[in-house]
Amino acid sequence: MTPKIHIILCSHNRSKKTIACITSLVRQKSPNFQCTITLFDDGSVDGTVQAVQSQFPQVNVINGDGNYFWCRSMCLAYGAIKNNLSEADFLLCVNDDIVLYPGALEGLVEEHQKMSALISAPAVHVGYCEDSAGAITYGGLRRTGQIKYELLLEFGAVADSMNFNCVLLPKPILNEVGFLDPAFEHSMGDIEYGVRISRQGVKIVTSQKVVGLCEENDLTLNLKKMNFFGRCQALVSKKYFPVRSWCYFVQSTCNQFWPIYFLYPYLRFTFFLRSK
């Protein structure tokens, strides 16, 4: 039986990257699976929606108003197609700044099928991404502290959590443990999801090879360019550590000393980050 895969991604004002991403998804065609693509565009004003609809009329586009950011956009995309997942075997979540290499999706599906035959536990597969210099940028994560995670640079290994740049989720896992939590606005939702499903016995398995090109987006570099007051304002914005999301994250993933971990990034990035 040919597996059916529903792909979801979100976008906001980076039309060229979004088009490159969808192009790479469409080129993943294989007789070994069937794909459907849904894009949630969060209020782009750079022609993203028009370009996608013109070049890829088969892509289902959902429009936001620009206030949802990454995690909530992905949650809305998932909510829009959730009732149709009865006909799908997998959900593939990707970031719109990734360009999948030829055969990447087929490889992930094959890896999952082989792994499922070897282990009794449910599993998701996270694909490794690399930058243009060949350095790994996103993928499986190793937890090294209560709020510290680093890339697990090991192919075919079991990770503690993951980035959501390219993740293959089997439908039974979605039915059992759900999806990303909309309590998170932009970031942190993918790491929390990895921790949550791991606690419920789901294995997060890293890909056997790099699946796509995705440059690293290091927001710390932006903070270094700001003055003290700019950093204070940025730290509580949606892209960094919004208070409610960050509080929920540490409460959900840390031990009883979570209030200390809650304060840590605000103190570190405000007072101990050297400006350039």
C-alpha atoms as a PDB file:
ATOM      1  CA  MET A   1       0.000   0.000   0.000  1.00  0.00           C
ATOM      2  CA  THR A   2       1.404   3.404  -1.028  1.00  0.00           C
ATOM      3  CA  PRO A   3       1.912   5.709   1.991  1.00  0.00           C
ATOM      4  CA  LYS A   4       0.093   9.042   1.927  1.00  0.00           C
ATOM      5  CA  ILE A   5       1.910  12.067   3.360  1.00  0.00           C
ATOM      6  CA  HIS A   6       0.441  15.440   4.233  1.00  0.00           C
ATOM      7  CA  ILE A   7       3.049  18.227   4.343  1.00  0.00           C
ATOM      8  CA  ILE A   8       2.508  21.440   6.291  1.00  0.00           C
ATOM      9  CA  LEU A   9       4.635  24.591   6.488  1.00  0.00           C
ATOM     10  CA  CYS A  10       4.135  28.265   7.261  1.00  0.00           C
ATOM     11  CA  SER A  11       5.499  31.460   5.751  1.00  0.00           C
ATOM     12  CA  HIS A  12       5.844  35.172   6.380  1.00  0.00           C
ATOM     13  CA  ASN A  13       7.419  37.659   3.982  1.00  0.00           C
ATOM     14  CA  ARG A  14      10.222  35.592   2.472  1.00  0.00           C
ATOM     15  CA  SER A  15       8.716  34.668  -0.845  1.00  0.00           C
ATOM     16  CA  LYS A  16      11.913  33.457  -2.540  1.00  0.00           C
ATOM     17  CA  LYS A  17      12.722  31.027   0.267  1.00  0.00           C
ATOM     18  CA  THR A  18       9.136  29.783   0.448  1.00  0.00           C
ATOM     19  CA  ILE A  19       9.021  29.161  -3.303  1.00  0.00           C
ATOM     20  CA  ALA A  20      12.388  27.365  -3.201  1.00  0.00           C
ATOM     21  CA  CYS A  21      11.136  25.188  -0.357  1.00  0.00           C
ATOM     22  CA  ILE A  22       7.870  24.245  -2.057  1.00  0.00           C
ATOM     23  CA  THR A  23       9.736  23.592  -5.301  1.00  0.00           C
ATOM     24  CA  SER A  24      11.925  21.077  -3.483  1.00  0.00           C
ATOM     25  CA  LEU A  25       8.841  19.474  -1.914  1.00  0.00           C
ATOM     26  CA  VAL A  26       7.044  19.105  -5.234  1.00  0.00           C
ATOM     27  CA  ARG A  27      10.172  17.514  -6.716  1.00  0.00           C
ATOM     28  CA  GLN A  28      10.044  14.777  -4.082  1.00  0.00           C
ATOM     29  CA  LYS A  29       7.605  12.883  -6.300  1.00  0.00           C
ATOM     30  CA  SER A  30       7.910   9.127  -6.053  1.00  0.00           C
ATOM     31  CA  PRO A  31       5.758   6.120  -6.950  1.00  0.00           C
ATOM     32  CA  ASN A  32       6.372   4.983  -3.366  1.00  0.00           C
ATOM     33  CA  PHE A  33       4.206   7.675  -1.724  1.00  0.00           C
ATOM     34  CA  GLN A  34       1.572  10.349  -2.365  1.00  0.00           C
ATOM     35  CA  CYS A  35       1.852  13.924  -1.090  1.00  0.00           C
ATOM     36  CA  THR A  36      -0.507  16.781  -0.269  1.00  0.00           C
ATOM     37  CA  ILE A  37       0.863  20.212   0.721  1.00  0.00           C
ATOM     38  CA  THR A  38      -0.744  22.868   2.934  1.00  0.00           C
ATOM     39  CA  LEU A  39       0.830  26.296   3.501  1.00  0.00           C
ATOM     40  CA  PHE A  40      -0.247  28.670   6.253  1.00  0.00           C
ATOM     41  CA  ASP A  41       0.843  32.162   5.238  1.00  0.00           C
ATOM     42  CA  ASP A  42       0.830  34.561   8.153  1.00  0.00           C
ATOM     43  CA  GLY A  43      -0.066  37.816   6.474  1.00  0.00           C
ATOM     44  CA  SER A  44       2.774  38.146   3.961  1.00  0.00           C
ATOM     45  CA  VAL A  45       2.794  41.389   1.981  1.00  0.00           C
ATOM     46  CA  ASP A  46       5.652  40.462  -0.363  1.00  0.00           C
ATOM     47  CA  GLY A  47       3.580  38.451  -2.827  1.00  0.00           C
ATOM     48  CA  THR A  48       4.208  35.044  -1.255  1.00  0.00           C
ATOM     49  CA  VAL A  49       0.611  33.848  -1.566  1.00  0.00           C
ATOM     50  CA  GLN A  50       0.234  35.052  -5.131  1.00  0.00           C
ATOM     51  CA  ALA A  51       3.508  33.406  -6.170  1.00  0.00           C
ATOM     52  CA  VAL A  52       2.572  30.096  -4.563  1.00  0.00           C
ATOM     53  CA  GLN A  53      -0.913  30.074  -6.050  1.00  0.00           C
ATOM     54  CA  SER A  54       0.480  30.912  -9.483  1.00  0.00           C
ATOM     55  CA  GLN A  55       3.308  28.387  -9.532  1.00  0.00           C
ATOM     56  CA  PHE A  56       1.779  25.645  -7.374  1.00  0.00           C
ATOM     57  CA  PRO A  57      -2.026  25.654  -7.690  1.00  0.00           C
ATOM     58  CA  GLN A  58      -2.097  22.209  -6.062  1.00  0.00           C
ATOM     59  CA  VAL A  59      -0.914  23.683  -2.751  1.00  0.00           C
ATOM     60  CA  ASN A  60      -3.670  24.463  -0.256  1.00  0.00           C
ATOM     61  CA  VAL A  61      -3.034  27.991   1.101  1.00  0.00           C
ATOM     62  CA  ILE A  62      -4.480  29.275   4.372  1.00  0.00           C
ATOM     63  CA  ASN A  63      -4.218  32.983   5.159  1.00  0.00           C
ATOM     64  CA  GLY A  64      -3.350  34.519   8.531  1.00  0.00           C
ATOM     65  CA  ASP A  65      -3.270  38.139   9.621  1.00  0.00           C
ATOM     66  CA  GLY A  66       0.430  38.425  10.515  1.00  0.00           C
ATOM     67  CA  ASN A  67       0.057  37.900  14.251  1.00  0.00           C
ATOM     68  CA  TYR A  68       0.529  34.150  14.632  1.00  0.00           C
ATOM     69  CA  PHE A  69       4.272  33.593  14.192  1.00  0.00           C
ATOM     70  CA  TRP A  70       5.791  30.129  13.674  1.00  0.00           C
ATOM     71  CA  CYS A  71       4.363  27.810  16.333  1.00  0.00           C
ATOM     72  CA  ARG A  72       0.816  29.083  16.245  1.00  0.00           C
ATOM     73  CA  SER A  73       0.886  29.183  12.443  1.00  0.00           C
ATOM     74  CA  MET A  74       1.882  25.513  12.394  1.00  0.00           C
ATOM     75  CA  CYS A  75      -0.871  24.725  14.898  1.00  0.00           C
ATOM     76  CA  LEU A  76      -3.438  26.453  12.686  1.00  0.00           C
ATOM     77  CA  ALA A  77      -2.142  24.613   9.610  1.00  0.00           C
ATOM     78  CA  TYR A  78      -2.436  21.331  11.485  1.00  0.00           C
ATOM     79  CA  GLY A  79      -5.905  22.184  12.774  1.00  0.00           C
ATOM     80  CA  ALA A  80      -7.056  22.945   9.237  1.00  0.00           C
ATOM     81  CA  ILE A  81      -6.033  19.539   7.890  1.00  0.00           C
ATOM     82  CA  LYS A  82      -6.482  17.423  11.022  1.00  0.00           C
ATOM     83  CA  ASN A  83      -9.846  16.037   9.967  1.00  0.00           C
ATOM     84  CA  ASN A  84      -8.364  14.975   6.626  1.00  0.00           C
ATOM     85  CA  LEU A  85      -5.520  13.015   8.216  1.00  0.00           C
ATOM     86  CA  SER A  86      -7.700   9.921   8.378  1.00  0.00           C
ATOM     87  CA  GLU A  87      -6.554   9.308   4.816  1.00  0.00           C
ATOM     88  CA  ALA A  88      -2.874  10.004   5.549  1.00  0.00           C
ATOM     89  CA  ASP A  89      -0.142   7.809   7.002  1.00  0.00           C
ATOM     90  CA  PHE A  90       2.330  10.579   7.881  1.00  0.00           C
ATOM     91  CA  LEU A  91       2.518  14.283   8.568  1.00  0.00           C
ATOM     92  CA  LEU A  92       5.699  15.990   7.386  1.00  0.00           C
ATOM     93  CA  CYS A  93       6.471  19.321   9.048  1.00  0.00           C
ATOM     94  CA  VAL A  94       9.056  21.550   7.375  1.00  0.00           C
ATOM     95  CA  ASN A  95      10.290  25.114   7.713  1.00  0.00           C
ATOM     96  CA  ASP A  96       9.876  27.244   4.625  1.00  0.00           C
ATOM     97  CA  ASP A  97      13.605  28.069   4.545  1.00  0.00           C
ATOM     98  CA  ILE A  98      14.662  24.475   3.908  1.00  0.00           C
ATOM     99  CA  VAL A  99      15.412  23.058   0.473  1.00  0.00           C
ATOM    100  CA  LEU A 100      15.046  19.299   0.563  1.00  0.00           C
ATOM    101  CA  TYR A 101      17.563  17.284  -1.407  1.00  0.00           C
ATOM    102  CA  PRO A 102      16.299  14.893  -4.109  1.00  0.00           C
ATOM    103  CA  GLY A 103      15.040  11.663  -2.583  1.00  0.00           C
ATOM    104  CA  ALA A 104      15.071  13.054   0.956  1.00  0.00           C
ATOM    105  CA  LEU A 105      11.418  12.354   1.727  1.00  0.00           C
ATOM    106  CA  GLU A 106      11.517   8.873   0.276  1.00  0.00           C
ATOM    107  CA  GLY A 107      14.615   8.205   2.363  1.00  0.00           C
ATOM    108  CA  LEU A 108      12.900   9.336   5.568  1.00  0.00           C
ATOM    109  CA  VAL A 109       9.898   7.123   4.881  1.00  0.00           C
ATOM    110  CA  GLU A 110      12.112   4.118   4.178  1.00  0.00           C
ATOM    111  CA  GLU A 111      14.142   4.746   7.340  1.00  0.00           C
ATOM    112  CA  HIS A 112      10.972   4.932   9.380  1.00  0.00           C
ATOM    113  CA  GLN A 113       9.627   1.703   7.933  1.00  0.00           C
ATOM    114  CA  LYS A 114      12.886  -0.126   8.631  1.00  0.00           C
ATOM    115  CA  MET A 115      13.135   1.259  12.156  1.00  0.00           C
ATOM    116  CA  SER A 116       9.526   0.340  12.922  1.00  0.00           C
ATOM    117  CA  ALA A 117      10.337  -3.260  12.057  1.00  0.00           C
ATOM    118  CA  LEU A 118      13.271  -3.276  14.493  1.00  0.00           C
ATOM    119  CA  ILE A 119      11.853  -1.561  17.577  1.00  0.00           C
ATOM    120  CA  SER A 120       8.548  -1.980  19.363  1.00  0.00           C
ATOM    121  CA  ALA A 121       8.295   1.656  20.502  1.00  0.00           C
ATOM    122  CA  PRO A 122       6.590   4.312  18.355  1.00  0.00           C
ATOM    123  CA  ALA A 123       9.023   6.658  16.604  1.00  0.00           C
ATOM    124  CA  VAL A 124       9.248   9.940  14.729  1.00  0.00           C
ATOM    125  CA  HIS A 125      12.058  10.759  12.321  1.00  0.00           C
ATOM    126  CA  VAL A 126      13.851  14.103  12.301  1.00  0.00           C
ATOM    127  CA  GLY A 127      15.930  15.059   9.284  1.00  0.00           C
ATOM    128  CA  TYR A 128      19.317  16.714   9.620  1.00  0.00           C
ATOM    129  CA  CYS A 129      19.864  19.996   7.782  1.00  0.00           C
ATOM    130  CA  GLU A 130      23.137  21.594   6.764  1.00  0.00           C
ATOM    131  CA  ASP A 131      24.300  25.037   5.697  1.00  0.00           C
ATOM    132  CA  SER A 132      26.040  25.934   2.446  1.00  0.00           C
ATOM    133  CA  ALA A 133      29.406  25.128   4.056  1.00  0.00           C
ATOM    134  CA  GLY A 134      28.286  21.614   4.975  1.00  0.00           C
ATOM    135  CA  ALA A 135      27.912  22.169   8.731  1.00  0.00           C
ATOM    136  CA  ILE A 136      24.901  20.612  10.452  1.00  0.00           C
ATOM    137  CA  THR A 137      22.455  23.330  11.490  1.00  0.00           C
ATOM    138  CA  TYR A 138      19.264  21.610  12.664  1.00  0.00           C
ATOM    139  CA  GLY A 139      18.037  18.141  13.572  1.00  0.00           C
ATOM    140  CA  GLY A 140      17.959  15.974  16.669  1.00  0.00           C
ATOM    141  CA  LEU A 141      18.880  17.526  20.012  1.00  0.00           C
ATOM    142  CA  ARG A 142      20.711  16.250  23.071  1.00  0.00           C
ATOM    143  CA  ARG A 143      19.650  17.675  26.411  1.00  0.00           C
ATOM    144  CA  THR A 144      22.695  18.808  28.367  1.00  0.00           C
ATOM    145  CA  GLY A 145      20.936  20.712  31.168  1.00  0.00           C
ATOM    146  CA  GLN A 146      17.509  21.778  32.356  1.00  0.00           C
ATOM    147  CA  ILE A 147      17.242  24.433  29.630  1.00  0.00           C
ATOM    148  CA  LYS A 148      20.280  23.560  27.528  1.00  0.00           C
ATOM    149  CA  TYR A 149      20.031  21.606  24.286  1.00  0.00           C
ATOM    150  CA  GLU A 150      22.688  21.014  21.661  1.00  0.00           C
ATOM    151  CA  LEU A 151      22.708  19.304  18.288  1.00  0.00           C
ATOM    152  CA  LEU A 152      23.062  15.544  18.503  1.00  0.00           C
ATOM    153  CA  LEU A 153      25.579  15.008  15.717  1.00  0.00           C
ATOM    154  CA  GLU A 154      24.917  11.322  15.271  1.00  0.00           C
ATOM    155  CA  PHE A 155      23.045   9.800  12.358  1.00  0.00           C
ATOM    156  CA  GLY A 156      20.449   7.136  13.109  1.00  0.00           C
ATOM    157  CA  ALA A 157      20.504   7.878  16.857  1.00  0.00           C
ATOM    158  CA  VAL A 158      17.777   8.504  19.436  1.00  0.00           C
ATOM    159  CA  ALA A 159      17.548  12.171  20.450  1.00  0.00           C
ATOM    160  CA  ASP A 160      16.110  13.851  23.542  1.00  0.00           C
ATOM    161  CA  SER A 161      14.245  16.459  21.506  1.00  0.00           C
ATOM    162  CA  MET A 162      14.352  18.064  18.073  1.00  0.00           C
ATOM    163  CA  ASN A 163      14.100  21.036  15.790  1.00  0.00           C
ATOM    164  CA  PHE A 164      11.038  21.015  13.561  1.00  0.00           C
ATOM    165  CA  ASN A 165      12.834  22.024  10.364  1.00  0.00           C
ATOM    166  CA  CYS A 166      12.067  18.596   8.880  1.00  0.00           C
ATOM    167  CA  VAL A 167      10.135  16.048  10.936  1.00  0.00           C
ATOM    168  CA  LEU A 168       8.181  12.995   9.794  1.00  0.00           C
ATOM    169  CA  LEU A 169       5.336  12.165  12.194  1.00  0.00           C
ATOM    170  CA  PRO A 170       3.312   8.943  11.843  1.00  0.00           C
ATOM    171  CA  LYS A 171      -0.427   9.463  12.224  1.00  0.00           C
ATOM    172  CA  PRO A 172      -0.816   7.100  15.236  1.00  0.00           C
ATOM    173  CA  ILE A 173       1.560   9.300  17.261  1.00  0.00           C
ATOM    174  CA  LEU A 174      -0.464  12.406  16.401  1.00  0.00           C
ATOM    175  CA  ASN A 175      -3.607  10.584  17.512  1.00  0.00           C
ATOM    176  CA  GLU A 176      -2.007   9.561  20.811  1.00  0.00           C
ATOM    177  CA  VAL A 177       0.055  12.587  21.896  1.00  0.00           C
ATOM    178  CA  GLY A 178      -1.263  15.406  19.743  1.00  0.00           C
ATOM    179  CA  PHE A 179       0.698  18.169  18.054  1.00  0.00           C
ATOM    180  CA  LEU A 180       2.562  21.363  18.947  1.00  0.00           C
ATOM    181  CA  ASP A 181       1.105  23.369  21.813  1.00  0.00           C
ATOM    182  CA  PRO A 182      -0.385  26.759  20.771  1.00  0.00           C
ATOM    183  CA  ALA A 183       0.618  28.123  24.174  1.00  0.00           C
ATOM    184  CA  PHE A 184       3.913  28.844  22.387  1.00  0.00           C
ATOM    185  CA  GLU A 185       3.904  31.762  20.001  1.00  0.00           C
ATOM    186  CA  HIS A 186       7.020  31.372  17.905  1.00  0.00           C
ATOM    187  CA  SER A 187       9.908  29.244  19.187  1.00  0.00           C
ATOM    188  CA  MET A 188      10.272  26.603  21.943  1.00  0.00           C
ATOM    189  CA  GLY A 189       7.192  24.684  20.843  1.00  0.00           C
ATOM    190  CA  ASP A 190       9.201  22.132  18.879  1.00  0.00           C
ATOM    191  CA  ILE A 191      11.623  21.442  21.739  1.00  0.00           C
ATOM    192  CA  GLU A 192       8.767  21.122  24.243  1.00  0.00           C
ATOM    193  CA  TYR A 193       6.984  18.740  21.886  1.00  0.00           C
ATOM    194  CA  GLY A 194      10.093  16.568  21.659  1.00  0.00           C
ATOM    195  CA  VAL A 195      10.417  16.435  25.434  1.00  0.00           C
ATOM    196  CA  ARG A 196       6.703  15.691  25.816  1.00  0.00           C
ATOM    197  CA  ILE A 197       6.566  12.796  23.378  1.00  0.00           C
ATOM    198  CA  SER A 198       9.821  11.338  24.717  1.00  0.00           C
ATOM    199  CA  ARG A 199       8.255  11.213  28.194  1.00  0.00           C
ATOM    200  CA  GLN A 200       5.414   9.214  26.665  1.00  0.00           C
ATOM    201  CA  GLY A 201       7.732   6.611  25.205  1.00  0.00           C
ATOM    202  CA  VAL A 202       8.089   7.904  21.648  1.00  0.00           C
ATOM    203  CA  LYS A 203      11.574   7.579  20.150  1.00  0.00           C
ATOM    204  CA  ILE A 204      12.967  10.583  18.267  1.00  0.00           C
ATOM    205  CA  VAL A 205      15.222   9.030  15.638  1.00  0.00           C
ATOM    206  CA  THR A 206      17.655  11.108  13.614  1.00  0.00           C
ATOM    207  CA  SER A 207      18.007  10.619   9.863  1.00  0.00           C
ATOM    208  CA  GLN A 208      20.722   8.448   8.384  1.00  0.00           C
ATOM    209  CA  LYS A 209      21.960  11.358   6.275  1.00  0.00           C
ATOM    210  CA  VAL A 210      21.453  15.063   5.686  1.00  0.00           C
ATOM    211  CA  VAL A 211      18.087  15.711   4.057  1.00  0.00           C
ATOM    212  CA  GLY A 212      18.292  19.348   3.061  1.00  0.00           C
ATOM    213  CA  LEU A 213      19.900  22.767   2.978  1.00  0.00           C
ATOM    214  CA  CYS A 214      18.906  25.192   5.741  1.00  0.00           C
ATOM    215  CA  GLU A 215      21.094  28.036   6.950  1.00  0.00           C
ATOM    216  CA  GLU A 216      21.277  28.655  10.700  1.00  0.00           C
ATOM    217  CA  ASN A 217      19.283  31.558  12.080  1.00  0.00           C
ATOM    218  CA  ASP A 218      21.266  32.687  15.131  1.00  0.00           C
ATOM    219  CA  LEU A 219      19.182  35.305  16.923  1.00  0.00           C
ATOM    220  CA  THR A 220      21.945  35.817  19.519  1.00  0.00           C
ATOM    221  CA  LEU A 221      23.928  37.686  16.879  1.00  0.00           C
ATOM    222  CA  ASN A 222      21.086  40.179  16.559  1.00  0.00           C
ATOM    223  CA  LEU A 223      21.072  40.749  20.312  1.00  0.00           C
ATOM    224  CA  LYS A 224      24.783  41.544  20.286  1.00  0.00           C
ATOM    225  CA  LYS A 225      24.138  44.421  17.921  1.00  0.00           C
ATOM    226  CA  MET A 226      21.589  46.039  20.250  1.00  0.00           C
ATOM    227  CA  ASN A 227      22.123  48.418  23.126  1.00  0.00           C
ATOM    228  CA  PHE A 228      20.934  47.595  26.639  1.00  0.00           C
ATOM    229  CA  PHE A 229      17.410  48.935  26.214  1.00  0.00           C
ATOM    230  CA  GLY A 230      17.043  47.314  22.806  1.00  0.00           C
ATOM    231  CA  ARG A 231      17.977  43.932  24.245  1.00  0.00           C
ATOM    232  CA  CYS A 232      15.511  44.325  27.111  1.00  0.00           C
ATOM    233  CA  GLN A 233      12.728  45.000  24.641  1.00  0.00           C
ATOM    234  CA  ALA A 234      13.737  42.231  22.244  1.00  0.00           C
ATOM    235  CA  LEU A 235      14.088  39.542  24.915  1.00  0.00           C
ATOM    236  CA  VAL A 236      10.399  39.580  25.815  1.00  0.00           C
ATOM    237  CA  SER A 237       9.242  39.784  22.179  1.00  0.00           C
ATOM    238  CA  LYS A 238       7.687  36.795  20.437  1.00  0.00           C
ATOM    239  CA  LYS A 239      10.864  35.753  18.635  1.00  0.00           C
ATOM    240  CA  TYR A 240      12.966  35.441  21.785  1.00  0.00           C
ATOM    241  CA  PHE A 241      11.593  34.734  25.283  1.00  0.00           C
ATOM    242  CA  PRO A 242       8.013  36.025  25.563  1.00  0.00           C
ATOM    243  CA  VAL A 243       7.176  35.780  29.243  1.00  0.00           C
ATOM    244  CA  ARG A 244       4.146  33.484  29.058  1.00  0.00           C
ATOM    245  CA  SER A 245       5.667  31.069  26.544  1.00  0.00           C
ATOM    246  CA  TRP A 246       8.999  30.897  28.349  1.00  0.00           C
ATOM    247  CA  CYS A 247       7.337  30.399  31.735  1.00  0.00           C
ATOM    248  CA  TYR A 248       5.216  27.594  30.299  1.00  0.00           C
ATOM    249  CA  PHE A 249       8.284  26.003  28.726  1.00  0.00           C
ATOM    250  CA  VAL A 250      10.335  25.841  31.919  1.00  0.00           C
ATOM    251  CA  GLN A 251       7.360  24.686  33.962  1.00  0.00           C
ATOM    252  CA  SER A 252       6.676  21.912  31.442  1.00  0.00           C
ATOM    253  CA  THR A 253      10.219  20.685  30.910  1.00  0.00           C
ATOM    254  CA  CYS A 254      12.272  21.540  34.020  1.00  0.00           C
ATOM    255  CA  ASN A 255      12.460  20.322  37.606  1.00  0.00           C
ATOM    256  CA  GLN A 256      11.158  22.066  40.726  1.00  0.00           C
ATOM    257  CA  PHE A 257      13.756  24.817  40.369  1.00  0.00           C
ATOM    258  CA  TRP A 258      12.085  26.101  37.209  1.00  0.00           C
ATOM    259  CA  PRO A 259      11.775  29.716  38.536  1.00  0.00           C
ATOM    260  CA  ILE A 260      15.580  29.973  38.494  1.00  0.00           C
ATOM    261  CA  TYR A 261      15.727  28.707  34.907  1.00  0.00           C
ATOM    262  CA  PHE A 262      12.954  31.124  34.018  1.00  0.00           C
ATOM    263  CA  LEU A 263      15.090  34.094  35.042  1.00  0.00           C
ATOM    264  CA  TYR A 264      18.312  32.837  33.465  1.00  0.00           C
ATOM    265  CA  PRO A 265      17.981  34.075  29.835  1.00  0.00           C
ATOM    266  CA  TYR A 266      16.719  37.496  30.863  1.00  0.00           C
ATOM    267  CA  LEU A 267      19.710  38.004  33.146  1.00  0.00           C
ATOM    268  CA  ARG A 268      22.240  36.469  30.782  1.00  0.00           C
ATOM    269  CA  PHE A 269      21.251  38.233  27.601  1.00  0.00           C
ATOM    270  CA  THR A 270      20.513  41.567  29.261  1.00  0.00           C
ATOM    271  CA  PHE A 271      23.572  41.982  31.474  1.00  0.00           C
ATOM    272  CA  PHE A 272      26.199  39.460  30.351  1.00  0.00           C
ATOM    273  CA  LEU A 273      26.040  39.559  26.557  1.00  0.00           C
ATOM    274  CA  ARG A 274      28.782  41.654  25.047  1.00  0.00           C
ATOM    275  CA  SER A 275      27.723  43.987  22.268  1.00  0.00           C
ATOM    276  CA  LYS A 276      29.749  44.169  19.075  1.00  0.00           C
END
